[in-house]
Structure formats: structure tokens, C-alpha cells
Amino acid sequence: MRTNKSIIFSVTGVLFIILALLTSCKSDSQKADELRINNKFDEAFELYQRASDNGDSYAKWRLSRSYDNGDGVDFSESISLKLLKEAADEGCIEAKCDLAFAYMFNWYGIENEEEKGKELLENIAKDTDNAFVLSRYAILYFYGAPGFEENKEKAMRILNKVKDKEDPDYLYMMGRVYMSGTDEIDIDEDKGIEYLTKAFDKGLRRVADELTRTYSMGYGKIKPDKSKAYEWVKKGIESNNTDCMRWMALACLSDDSLYNDVHNIQRGVELLKKAALHGDGDAYSYLGTLYYGGKHLPKDDSKAFDNWEKSTALRSGDGAFHLGFAYIEGNGCDIDIEKGIGLWEKAVEYGHGGAANNLFCHYNNGDYGGKNKRNKELAKKYLLKAAELGDVVGCFNLGREYFFGNNLMEKNNSQAFIYIQRAADKGFVEACNWMAYFYENGIGCNKDPDKAKEYKDKTKAKEDK
């Protein structure tokens, strides 16, 4: 049978023209989205800028995010916030959602606007099927974020309203659903990974960090897999994910034999500096500690101080913690005890449990600035906060307070057992000794010689290491 080639070429030509027309009809924002997903951040930024100048509020929101992460432009929180507010005022629903989160969770340094943010989010989520908005709204109830009671059933009802089931934020949320499970949906790690991977492929960069940690430590039936962890951290770095940059930097700088295959001091420092330039406060903090310790960078207290200052300005709890020590000890600056204590208080606001434990010691013992600084009420407040934030030494100290019951807490052996066990299970050697003693004598628990021996063995193993 003979084929009429002219007809084929004619049809092919028409299809080519149609495809060309369809491509040319894409907006600058759509083209920029495609470039962003393919990590072409400079080109994407230019198109978002052009679309924004032409009145595209969605493009202006994307510009805000570009400045917030340093994608194709120098990082700038102030410009990012300005553009975000403008995009929200111009009607971009994604920008309104981000602004609501900024109010609720103090992004950009915004303070005391939680109720305003919650009201804004609830109003825009009420009558929309927008996947970005509803997926982010649902996750607050799914995990019980501050100000939102955990309610997985409500989270799923919110997700069911999403129209675009291929949206990356919806795919991400469904990935989390399958990784955690609900009353009606069984845990299925494979399906969860499938959804999360698809979300990343559609441009949701934070997935790379989550999957890096998943394969690094294992999760459910997923066993630790170093090669997959490296695969995901590489993808994250390529997509400007600063958590992945920092994760890989610490692996490169680690003396642990587990990371011998990637040990590279120069690359580790370069990755920290890159993450810092993209606005990662914790990266600045790590750089500060490197300059302070003089191990992988020349010792320089002045540069350590400068990096901790930059870290604190970006609301890093770790940065504020170290900057507080700098003022208390006079490292790279004049001694200023009050300023140091104030920075530790700020670090606690940013979620740093070690700073809370230091404040407990300060107010309980008068460790910094003299005995006249003792304050039993504040000591108790910060000790409880240290344990709440999961600080190992804070948990141990709270357990001791419950055990002795002669200072801040009433004696309660059950509570002593609970908190000292938390510290022991996180590797605190002295707490392991206490747990052995508790199990030997049935303090806060039933006597259990086997458990006592288990904790004694842990103590010896950690001391040997």
C-alpha cells in the first residue's frame, strides 16, 4: 500500500504551526514557571519581572519568592515582603495565603499578628478550590500547628475541595497523608514517596530536604539508604534548597567515618556560604562557629561575631544563642551581660531549647551577672520551656528537679523518670546512669534488671566512644 507523503507532510506542518502558536500564546508567567522548575532561575526572574511590570499579580508573588530565596536575584527580605503585600493587594490569592502565614508564624520579622493571619487565611480558604491555599490550610490541621487543633478528618475535608489534583502543593500534602496515615487511609510509604517525588518534579523544592532526611535516617518501612539520600540532597542543591545545602555542607565537614566518601572541607564551607547568601540564617550561624573554633576556617572572633549577627537578623535560634554567648564572654565584642541574656530570650522565641536551659541556669544559680540575678519564677519558666523544646540537658535538669523536689518542682518520681528517660534516649550519658539506677530501684517505674543493664551498657558504649 502506497502512502501519500504530501498529505503526511501537510498534516505535520499544520500540527507544527498549531504547536508553535500554542507555545507563543503562553504568558510570561507560564514560561517563567517552566524555567523555574528546570532551575533556570535567572531567566525565570527576568520573565516574572516583565510580567509583573505588565500588571500580573501572580508574577509579582513569584518575584517575592525569588527575593526571599535569592533565586536569580540577590536575597532581600524587605523587597520580598513589599512585593508580597503588593501582590496580595492586587488580588493574587497565593500571595494572600503567604501573607496570612507570614502574620501567623512571624515570617519577615512580623510580630503579634497571629489572629490577623488566621482570619485572613480562613476567609480566603472559605470560597476557593485553589490547591495552593487549601493544601497549606489543610496541613495546619493535619499536624496541629500552633493555633490549630490537630484534626485529620477536617484536613481531609479541606483537601477534598481542591480542584487541581496535579498541583505540587496538593501532591505534597497527599504524600504526607500516606506517610502518616489517617483513620481511613492506611500508611503506605511507597505511595507517599510517589506523591512527594511528583510534587518535587513539579517544582516544590522543599520535598528534596524531606526525602534527604527520610533516606538518611529511615522512616517506617523505608530503611536508611545513603545513596538515595545523596541523590536527593544533590537535587535539592541544584534547585536552591538551602536546607539541602546545609545538610551536605555538614556531611562534607563531618569527621564521622559515615561520611568519609564526601569529606571535603572546601566544598563544605562553600555550600555554607552559598546557603547563607540565599538567606539561610542557620548557615550563617555554622560559619560563625567555624570562625570561632578555627577548625576549618582561620580563627577570627570578629568574623564569628559578624556571622552570628547576620544569623540572628534572619531569626535563627542557633545564631541568637551563639551571639548571646559572644556578648556574655566578650568574643568579637565588648562584654554586655544584659544584651547576651536578651539574645538568649530571643533565641528561645526562635525555638532554641539550649538557650532556654541556659536561662534556667542563669535565673536558678545566678550564673551570669551575679547572684542578684536569681529569679525562681523565671528559672521554672525557662526550664519547662527547655524541656518542651526538646533540649537534652533541659529534659535532664527538669527530671532532676522532679526527683529532688526541693527547689522549683514538687517531688514526683514518675515525672522524673519521664524526663530523664527522654534525655537518656537522646544519648545523654549521665541520664543513662540515672535510668539504670531508676530501673534497679523501681523509682518512677517497675524494677527491671534487664532494663537497668541496657542503660548501663549504653553508658559504657558512649563513654568508650
Protein backbone atom coordinates (compact mmCIF):
# COMPACT_ATOMS: atom_id res chain seq x y z
CA MET A 1 0.00 0.00 0.00
CA ARG A 2 1.41 3.40 -1.02
CA THR A 3 1.29 6.35 1.34
CA ASN A 4 0.61 9.87 0.17
CA LYS A 5 3.69 11.67 1.60
CA SER A 6 2.36 15.09 0.66
CA ILE A 7 -0.65 14.56 2.91
CA ILE A 8 1.61 13.46 5.80
CA PHE A 9 3.88 16.49 5.38
CA SER A 10 0.85 18.74 5.11
CA VAL A 11 -0.69 17.40 8.32
CA THR A 12 2.70 17.53 10.09
CA GLY A 13 3.15 21.13 9.01
CA VAL A 14 -0.27 22.10 10.35
CA LEU A 15 0.47 20.40 13.68
CA PHE A 16 3.81 22.20 13.89
CA ILE A 17 2.12 25.55 13.31
CA ILE A 18 -0.55 24.80 15.93
CA LEU A 19 2.12 23.80 18.48
CA ALA A 20 4.11 26.93 17.69
CA LEU A 21 1.03 29.07 18.16
CA LEU A 22 0.18 27.37 21.45
CA THR A 23 3.73 27.91 22.70
CA SER A 24 3.72 31.56 21.69
CA CYS A 25 0.39 32.05 23.46
CA LYS A 26 1.85 31.10 26.83
CA SER A 27 2.10 34.04 29.18
CA ASP A 28 5.44 35.25 30.53
CA SER A 29 4.44 33.82 33.93
CA GLN A 30 3.80 30.38 32.46
CA LYS A 31 7.13 30.42 30.63
CA ALA A 32 8.84 31.60 33.82
CA ASP A 33 7.24 28.78 35.81
CA GLU A 34 8.68 26.25 33.37
CA LEU A 35 12.13 27.83 33.62
CA ARG A 36 11.94 27.88 37.43
CA ILE A 37 11.02 24.19 37.60
CA ASN A 38 14.08 23.48 35.44
CA ASN A 39 16.29 25.52 37.81
CA LYS A 40 16.84 28.32 35.28
CA PHE A 41 16.34 30.97 37.92
CA ASP A 42 17.98 33.95 36.17
CA GLU A 43 15.82 33.60 33.07
CA ALA A 44 12.71 32.95 35.16
CA PHE A 45 13.31 36.07 37.21
CA GLU A 46 13.51 38.26 34.11
CA LEU A 47 10.19 36.94 32.80
CA TYR A 48 8.46 37.28 36.18
CA GLN A 49 9.75 40.85 36.35
CA ARG A 50 8.39 41.65 32.87
CA ALA A 51 5.02 40.07 33.64
CA SER A 52 4.84 41.90 36.96
CA ASP A 53 5.59 45.21 35.25
CA ASN A 54 2.64 44.43 32.95
CA GLY A 55 0.25 44.03 35.88
CA ASP A 56 0.44 40.26 36.54
CA SER A 57 -0.08 39.87 40.31
CA TYR A 58 0.83 36.17 40.21
CA ALA A 59 4.21 37.08 38.69
CA LYS A 60 4.70 39.68 41.42
CA TRP A 61 4.09 36.96 44.03
CA ARG A 62 6.68 34.78 42.32
CA LEU A 63 9.10 37.73 42.33
CA SER A 64 8.53 38.00 46.08
CA ARG A 65 9.50 34.36 46.48
CA SER A 66 12.56 34.88 44.25
CA TYR A 67 13.84 37.64 46.53
CA ASP A 68 13.02 35.54 49.61
CA ASN A 69 15.26 32.71 48.43
CA GLY A 70 17.77 34.57 46.27
CA ASP A 71 16.65 32.88 43.04
CA GLY A 72 18.07 34.80 40.07
CA VAL A 73 18.47 37.89 42.26
CA ASP A 74 20.21 38.88 45.49
CA PHE A 75 18.33 37.76 48.60
CA SER A 76 16.30 40.55 50.21
CA GLU A 77 13.61 40.03 52.84
CA SER A 78 12.49 43.66 52.75
CA ILE A 79 11.88 43.65 48.97
CA SER A 80 10.24 40.23 49.24
CA LEU A 81 7.76 41.45 51.87
CA LYS A 82 7.00 44.64 49.91
CA LEU A 83 6.24 42.65 46.76
CA LEU A 84 4.20 40.09 48.70
CA LYS A 85 1.94 42.78 50.16
CA GLU A 86 1.54 44.42 46.74
CA ALA A 87 0.65 41.11 45.07
CA ALA A 88 -1.90 40.38 47.81
CA ASP A 89 -3.44 43.85 47.44
CA GLU A 90 -3.65 43.27 43.68
CA GLY A 91 -5.70 40.11 44.23
CA CYS A 92 -3.23 37.22 43.95
CA ILE A 93 -4.75 34.51 46.16
CA GLU A 94 -1.41 32.71 46.59
CA ALA A 95 0.13 35.94 47.84
CA LYS A 96 -2.73 36.43 50.29
CA CYS A 97 -2.12 32.92 51.58
CA ASP A 98 1.63 33.53 52.02
CA LEU A 99 0.88 36.83 53.76
CA ALA A 100 -1.51 35.07 56.13
CA PHE A 101 1.23 32.58 57.02
CA ALA A 102 3.68 35.46 57.48
CA TYR A 103 1.31 37.04 60.02
CA MET A 104 0.62 33.74 61.80
CA PHE A 105 4.19 32.48 62.05
CA ASN A 106 6.14 35.76 62.25
CA TRP A 107 7.85 35.48 58.88
CA TYR A 108 9.89 38.52 57.81
CA GLY A 109 10.11 39.57 61.48
CA ILE A 110 6.38 40.35 61.67
CA GLU A 111 5.23 40.10 65.32
CA ASN A 112 1.90 39.87 67.14
CA GLU A 113 -0.27 39.44 64.05
CA GLU A 114 -1.31 35.80 64.56
CA GLU A 115 -5.06 36.44 64.76
CA LYS A 116 -4.94 38.72 61.73
CA GLY A 117 -3.21 35.97 59.74
CA LYS A 118 -5.63 33.27 60.85
CA GLU A 119 -8.64 35.40 59.94
CA LEU A 120 -7.16 36.22 56.51
CA LEU A 121 -6.42 32.55 55.76
CA GLU A 122 -9.85 31.34 56.86
CA ASN A 123 -11.54 33.99 54.72
CA ILE A 124 -9.65 33.16 51.53
CA ALA A 125 -9.99 29.39 52.09
CA LYS A 126 -13.74 29.63 52.58
CA ASP A 127 -14.81 30.00 48.95
CA THR A 128 -11.95 28.68 46.84
CA ASP A 129 -10.82 25.45 45.24
CA ASN A 130 -7.25 26.78 44.85
CA ALA A 131 -4.84 23.91 45.51
CA PHE A 132 -2.05 26.07 46.95
CA VAL A 133 -4.33 27.72 49.51
CA LEU A 134 -6.29 24.64 50.54
CA SER A 135 -3.26 22.36 50.76
CA ARG A 136 -1.44 24.77 53.04
CA TYR A 137 -4.60 25.30 55.10
CA ALA A 138 -5.10 21.55 55.45
CA ILE A 139 -1.59 20.86 56.71
CA LEU A 140 -2.18 23.15 59.70
CA TYR A 141 -4.99 20.89 60.91
CA PHE A 142 -3.29 17.69 59.82
CA TYR A 143 -0.34 18.24 62.15
CA GLY A 144 -1.93 20.59 64.69
CA ALA A 145 0.19 23.69 64.04
CA PRO A 146 0.23 26.42 66.75
CA GLY A 147 -3.25 27.91 66.90
CA PHE A 148 -4.82 24.93 65.07
CA GLU A 149 -6.02 21.84 66.90
CA GLU A 150 -4.97 18.60 65.21
CA ASN A 151 -7.92 17.32 63.20
CA LYS A 152 -7.02 15.00 60.33
CA GLU A 153 -10.65 14.50 59.35
CA LYS A 154 -11.06 18.24 58.83
CA ALA A 155 -7.77 18.39 56.95
CA MET A 156 -9.01 15.73 54.53
CA ARG A 157 -12.33 17.58 54.03
CA ILE A 158 -10.35 20.67 53.09
CA LEU A 159 -8.18 18.69 50.66
CA ASN A 160 -11.23 17.18 49.01
CA LYS A 161 -12.23 20.68 47.85
CA VAL A 162 -9.06 21.02 45.74
CA LYS A 163 -9.84 21.15 42.02
CA ASP A 164 -6.35 20.72 40.54
CA LYS A 165 -5.18 17.33 41.79
CA GLU A 166 -1.88 17.70 39.89
CA ASP A 167 -0.84 20.84 41.77
CA PRO A 168 2.52 20.30 43.55
CA ASP A 169 1.26 21.51 46.94
CA TYR A 170 -1.69 19.12 46.77
CA LEU A 171 0.62 16.27 45.73
CA TYR A 172 2.93 17.13 48.62
CA MET A 173 0.08 17.10 51.11
CA MET A 174 -1.16 13.74 49.85
CA GLY A 175 2.38 12.43 50.17
CA ARG A 176 2.37 13.47 53.83
CA VAL A 177 -1.07 11.83 54.27
CA TYR A 178 0.20 8.47 53.02
CA MET A 179 3.41 8.74 55.04
CA SER A 180 1.45 9.41 58.27
CA GLY A 181 -1.90 7.74 57.64
CA THR A 182 -5.37 8.69 58.88
CA ASP A 183 -8.34 6.80 60.33
CA GLU A 184 -9.46 6.00 56.78
CA ILE A 185 -6.15 5.91 54.89
CA ASP A 186 -3.54 3.32 55.84
CA ILE A 187 0.12 4.25 55.94
CA ASP A 188 1.70 3.50 52.58
CA GLU A 189 5.28 4.79 52.45
CA ASP A 190 5.76 3.79 48.80
CA LYS A 191 2.71 5.75 47.73
CA GLY A 192 3.81 8.64 49.92
CA ILE A 193 7.22 8.72 48.21
CA GLU A 194 5.50 8.57 44.83
CA TYR A 195 3.38 11.64 45.61
CA LEU A 196 6.32 13.55 47.14
CA THR A 197 8.54 12.81 44.15
CA LYS A 198 5.86 14.04 41.78
CA ALA A 199 5.49 17.23 43.84
CA PHE A 200 9.23 17.87 43.54
CA ASP A 201 9.20 17.24 39.80
CA LYS A 202 6.51 19.92 39.53
CA GLY A 203 8.67 22.47 41.34
CA LEU A 204 8.17 22.07 45.10
CA ARG A 205 11.78 22.27 46.25
CA ARG A 206 11.29 21.56 49.98
CA VAL A 207 10.50 17.95 49.11
CA ALA A 208 14.21 17.36 48.41
CA ASP A 209 15.12 18.11 52.02
CA GLU A 210 12.34 15.90 53.38
CA LEU A 211 13.35 12.95 51.23
CA THR A 212 17.01 13.50 52.06
CA ARG A 213 16.18 13.14 55.75
CA THR A 214 13.81 10.24 55.07
CA TYR A 215 16.52 8.20 53.34
CA SER A 216 19.25 9.39 55.69
CA MET A 217 17.52 8.20 58.88
CA GLY A 218 14.84 5.84 57.58
CA TYR A 219 11.11 6.22 58.06
CA GLY A 220 8.61 3.45 58.78
CA LYS A 221 9.41 0.56 56.47
CA ILE A 222 11.84 2.74 54.48
CA LYS A 223 15.35 1.74 55.50
CA PRO A 224 18.24 4.23 55.59
CA ASP A 225 19.78 4.47 52.13
CA LYS A 226 22.81 6.74 51.88
CA SER A 227 22.95 6.69 48.09
CA LYS A 228 19.32 7.84 47.80
CA ALA A 229 19.90 10.48 50.47
CA TYR A 230 22.82 11.84 48.41
CA GLU A 231 20.71 11.69 45.25
CA TRP A 232 18.02 13.83 46.85
CA VAL A 233 20.39 16.26 48.52
CA LYS A 234 22.04 16.84 45.12
CA LYS A 235 18.65 17.57 43.56
CA GLY A 236 17.89 19.94 46.42
CA ILE A 237 21.15 21.85 45.99
CA GLU A 238 20.53 22.18 42.25
CA SER A 239 17.09 23.67 42.99
CA ASN A 240 18.50 26.19 45.54
CA ASN A 241 17.13 24.39 48.61
CA THR A 242 19.21 25.85 51.45
CA ASP A 243 18.37 23.01 53.86
CA CYS A 244 19.98 20.58 51.42
CA MET A 245 22.99 22.87 51.00
CA ARG A 246 23.44 22.94 54.78
CA TRP A 247 22.87 19.19 55.16
CA MET A 248 25.54 18.40 52.57
CA ALA A 249 27.90 21.01 54.00
CA LEU A 250 27.81 19.39 57.43
CA ALA A 251 28.33 15.96 55.85
CA CYS A 252 31.37 17.31 53.99
CA LEU A 253 32.78 18.83 57.19
CA SER A 254 31.98 15.86 59.44
CA ASP A 255 34.76 13.73 60.94
CA ASP A 256 32.32 10.82 61.28
CA SER A 257 33.50 7.84 59.24
CA LEU A 258 29.94 7.52 57.93
CA TYR A 259 30.64 10.50 55.65
CA ASN A 260 34.20 9.64 54.56
CA ASP A 261 33.03 9.34 50.96
CA VAL A 262 32.01 13.01 50.82
CA HIS A 263 34.50 14.54 53.27
CA ASN A 264 35.62 17.77 51.63
CA ILE A 265 36.28 20.82 53.80
CA GLN A 266 36.45 23.31 50.93
CA ARG A 267 33.13 22.13 49.46
CA GLY A 268 31.50 22.14 52.90
CA VAL A 269 32.49 25.76 53.54
CA GLU A 270 31.44 26.80 50.02
CA LEU A 271 28.00 25.23 50.50
CA LEU A 272 27.52 27.01 53.83
CA LYS A 273 28.45 30.32 52.23
CA LYS A 274 26.10 29.65 49.32
CA ALA A 275 23.21 28.79 51.68
CA ALA A 276 23.91 31.95 53.68
CA LEU A 277 23.78 34.12 50.55
CA HIS A 278 20.38 32.57 49.80
CA GLY A 279 19.11 33.81 53.19
CA ASP A 280 19.68 30.79 55.43
CA GLY A 281 20.25 32.07 58.97
CA ASP A 282 21.45 28.71 60.30
CA ALA A 283 24.16 28.63 57.62
CA TYR A 284 25.47 31.99 58.88
CA SER A 285 25.46 30.53 62.39
CA TYR A 286 27.52 27.50 61.36
CA LEU A 287 30.01 29.78 59.59
CA GLY A 288 30.27 31.76 62.82
CA THR A 289 31.12 28.64 64.81
CA LEU A 290 33.75 27.66 62.23
CA TYR A 291 35.46 31.04 62.57
CA TYR A 292 35.14 30.87 66.36
CA GLY A 293 36.58 27.35 66.63
CA GLY A 294 39.26 27.86 63.99
CA LYS A 295 38.99 24.28 62.80
CA HIS A 296 38.04 24.55 59.12
CA LEU A 297 38.45 28.34 58.81
CA PRO A 298 41.11 30.61 60.35
CA LYS A 299 40.10 31.54 63.90
CA ASP A 300 38.58 35.02 63.82
CA ASP A 301 36.28 36.15 66.63
CA SER A 302 35.30 39.27 64.70
CA LYS A 303 34.09 37.25 61.68
CA ALA A 304 32.36 34.79 64.02
CA PHE A 305 30.51 37.69 65.63
CA ASP A 306 29.54 39.18 62.24
CA ASN A 307 28.12 35.87 61.02
CA TRP A 308 26.15 35.33 64.25
CA GLU A 309 24.75 38.84 63.90
CA LYS A 310 23.58 38.12 60.36
CA SER A 311 22.15 34.80 61.51
CA THR A 312 20.20 36.46 64.33
CA ALA A 313 18.85 39.10 61.94
CA LEU A 314 17.38 36.18 59.97
CA ARG A 315 15.79 34.83 63.17
CA SER A 316 17.98 31.78 63.59
CA GLY A 317 17.68 30.45 67.13
CA ASP A 318 21.16 28.97 66.86
CA GLY A 319 22.59 32.32 65.74
CA ALA A 320 20.95 34.22 68.58
CA PHE A 321 22.17 31.57 71.04
CA HIS A 322 25.81 31.98 69.92
CA LEU A 323 25.56 35.76 69.68
CA GLY A 324 24.32 35.81 73.27
CA PHE A 325 27.42 33.87 74.34
CA ALA A 326 29.61 36.30 72.36
CA TYR A 327 28.27 39.25 74.38
CA ILE A 328 28.48 37.38 77.69
CA GLU A 329 32.07 36.26 77.09
CA GLY A 330 33.28 39.23 75.04
CA ASN A 331 34.09 37.27 71.88
CA GLY A 332 34.44 39.73 68.99
CA CYS A 333 32.73 42.45 71.03
CA ASP A 334 32.70 44.16 74.43
CA ILE A 335 31.14 42.18 77.28
CA ASP A 336 27.47 43.04 77.77
CA ILE A 337 25.72 40.53 80.05
CA GLU A 338 22.26 42.09 79.73
CA LYS A 339 22.44 42.10 75.96
CA GLY A 340 23.58 38.48 75.98
CA ILE A 341 20.69 37.43 78.20
CA GLY A 342 18.28 39.33 75.95
CA LEU A 343 19.62 37.45 72.92
CA TRP A 344 19.08 34.12 74.65
CA GLU A 345 15.49 35.18 75.32
CA LYS A 346 15.20 35.97 71.62
CA ALA A 347 16.71 32.56 70.76
CA VAL A 348 14.01 30.87 72.86
CA GLU A 349 11.37 32.75 70.86
CA TYR A 350 13.01 31.28 67.76
CA GLY A 351 12.75 27.76 69.22
CA HIS A 352 16.22 27.13 70.70
CA GLY A 353 15.99 24.79 73.69
CA GLY A 354 19.65 25.20 74.67
CA ALA A 355 19.11 28.92 75.18
CA ALA A 356 16.12 28.15 77.42
CA ASN A 357 18.26 25.79 79.52
CA ASN A 358 20.97 28.47 79.82
CA LEU A 359 18.36 30.95 81.04
CA PHE A 360 17.20 28.38 83.60
CA CYS A 361 20.78 28.12 84.87
CA HIS A 362 21.11 31.91 84.88
CA TYR A 363 17.96 32.55 86.88
CA ASN A 364 18.33 29.48 89.10
CA ASN A 365 22.00 29.87 90.02
CA GLY A 366 22.89 33.42 89.05
CA ASP A 367 25.47 32.02 86.63
CA TYR A 368 25.82 35.23 84.62
CA GLY A 369 25.94 38.67 86.17
CA GLY A 370 25.96 37.64 89.83
CA LYS A 371 23.69 36.02 92.39
CA ASN A 372 21.38 39.05 92.45
CA LYS A 373 20.01 37.84 89.13
CA ARG A 374 18.34 34.79 90.68
CA ASN A 375 14.63 34.53 89.95
CA LYS A 376 12.82 31.32 90.85
CA GLU A 377 9.75 32.06 88.75
CA LEU A 378 11.79 32.72 85.60
CA ALA A 379 14.02 29.73 86.31
CA LYS A 380 10.97 27.45 86.35
CA LYS A 381 9.52 29.07 83.23
CA TYR A 382 12.67 28.52 81.18
CA LEU A 383 13.33 25.03 82.50
CA LEU A 384 9.87 23.92 81.39
CA LYS A 385 10.43 25.65 78.04
CA ALA A 386 13.78 23.91 77.55
CA ALA A 387 12.13 20.52 78.05
CA GLU A 388 9.20 21.48 75.79
CA LEU A 389 11.67 22.39 73.04
CA GLY A 390 13.38 19.02 73.44
CA ASP A 391 16.72 20.20 74.80
CA VAL A 392 18.56 17.15 76.16
CA VAL A 393 20.16 18.87 79.14
CA GLY A 394 16.91 20.73 79.83
CA CYS A 395 15.00 17.44 80.00
CA PHE A 396 17.64 16.01 82.34
CA ASN A 397 17.57 19.08 84.59
CA LEU A 398 13.77 19.01 84.78
CA GLY A 399 13.87 15.32 85.71
CA ARG A 400 16.35 16.10 88.49
CA GLU A 401 14.11 18.89 89.79
CA TYR A 402 11.19 16.46 89.97
CA PHE A 403 13.37 13.83 91.65
CA PHE A 404 14.71 16.07 94.42
CA GLY A 405 11.59 18.22 94.74
CA ASN A 406 13.23 20.85 96.90
CA ASN A 407 13.55 23.83 94.60
CA LEU A 408 11.32 24.52 91.59
CA MET A 409 9.09 21.45 91.32
CA GLU A 410 7.22 19.25 93.78
CA LYS A 411 8.76 15.81 94.13
CA ASN A 412 7.31 13.45 91.53
CA ASN A 413 9.23 10.29 90.66
CA SER A 414 7.02 9.46 87.68
CA GLN A 415 7.76 12.81 86.06
CA ALA A 416 11.43 12.47 86.97
CA PHE A 417 11.52 9.13 85.16
CA ILE A 418 9.79 10.53 82.06
CA TYR A 419 12.12 13.48 81.53
CA ILE A 420 15.36 11.72 82.41
CA GLN A 421 14.41 8.91 80.06
CA ARG A 422 13.97 11.46 77.26
CA ALA A 423 17.47 12.75 77.88
CA ALA A 424 18.90 9.22 78.11
CA ASP A 425 17.25 8.10 74.88
CA LYS A 426 18.80 11.10 73.13
CA GLY A 427 22.24 9.91 74.19
CA PHE A 428 22.97 11.95 77.34
CA VAL A 429 25.40 9.72 79.27
CA GLU A 430 24.63 10.95 82.78
CA ALA A 431 20.92 10.42 82.16
CA CYS A 432 21.65 6.80 81.16
CA ASN A 433 23.28 6.29 84.57
CA TRP A 434 20.19 7.66 86.27
CA MET A 435 17.91 5.37 84.24
CA ALA A 436 19.93 2.36 85.31
CA TYR A 437 19.52 3.49 88.93
CA PHE A 438 15.77 4.03 88.47
CA TYR A 439 15.22 0.56 87.00
CA GLU A 440 17.39 -1.09 89.66
CA ASN A 441 15.37 0.51 92.46
CA GLY A 442 11.91 0.84 90.88
CA ILE A 443 11.88 4.66 91.06
CA GLY A 444 9.09 6.04 88.87
CA CYS A 445 8.83 2.60 87.22
CA ASN A 446 8.73 -1.10 87.98
CA LYS A 447 12.04 -2.74 88.86
CA ASP A 448 13.63 -4.22 85.76
CA PRO A 449 17.23 -5.55 86.00
CA ASP A 450 17.38 -6.13 82.25
CA LYS A 451 16.47 -2.52 81.50
CA ALA A 452 18.96 -1.36 84.11
CA LYS A 453 21.69 -3.34 82.38
CA GLU A 454 20.62 -1.99 79.00
CA TYR A 455 21.15 1.59 80.18
CA LYS A 456 24.45 0.69 81.89
CA ASP A 457 25.63 -0.77 78.59
CA LYS A 458 24.57 2.41 76.79
CA THR A 459 26.57 4.45 79.29
CA LYS A 460 29.70 2.35 78.79
CA ALA A 461 29.37 2.38 75.00
CA LYS A 462 29.03 6.16 74.87
CA GLU A 463 31.90 6.68 77.32
CA ASP A 464 34.10 4.37 75.24
CA LYS A 465 33.17 6.23 72.05
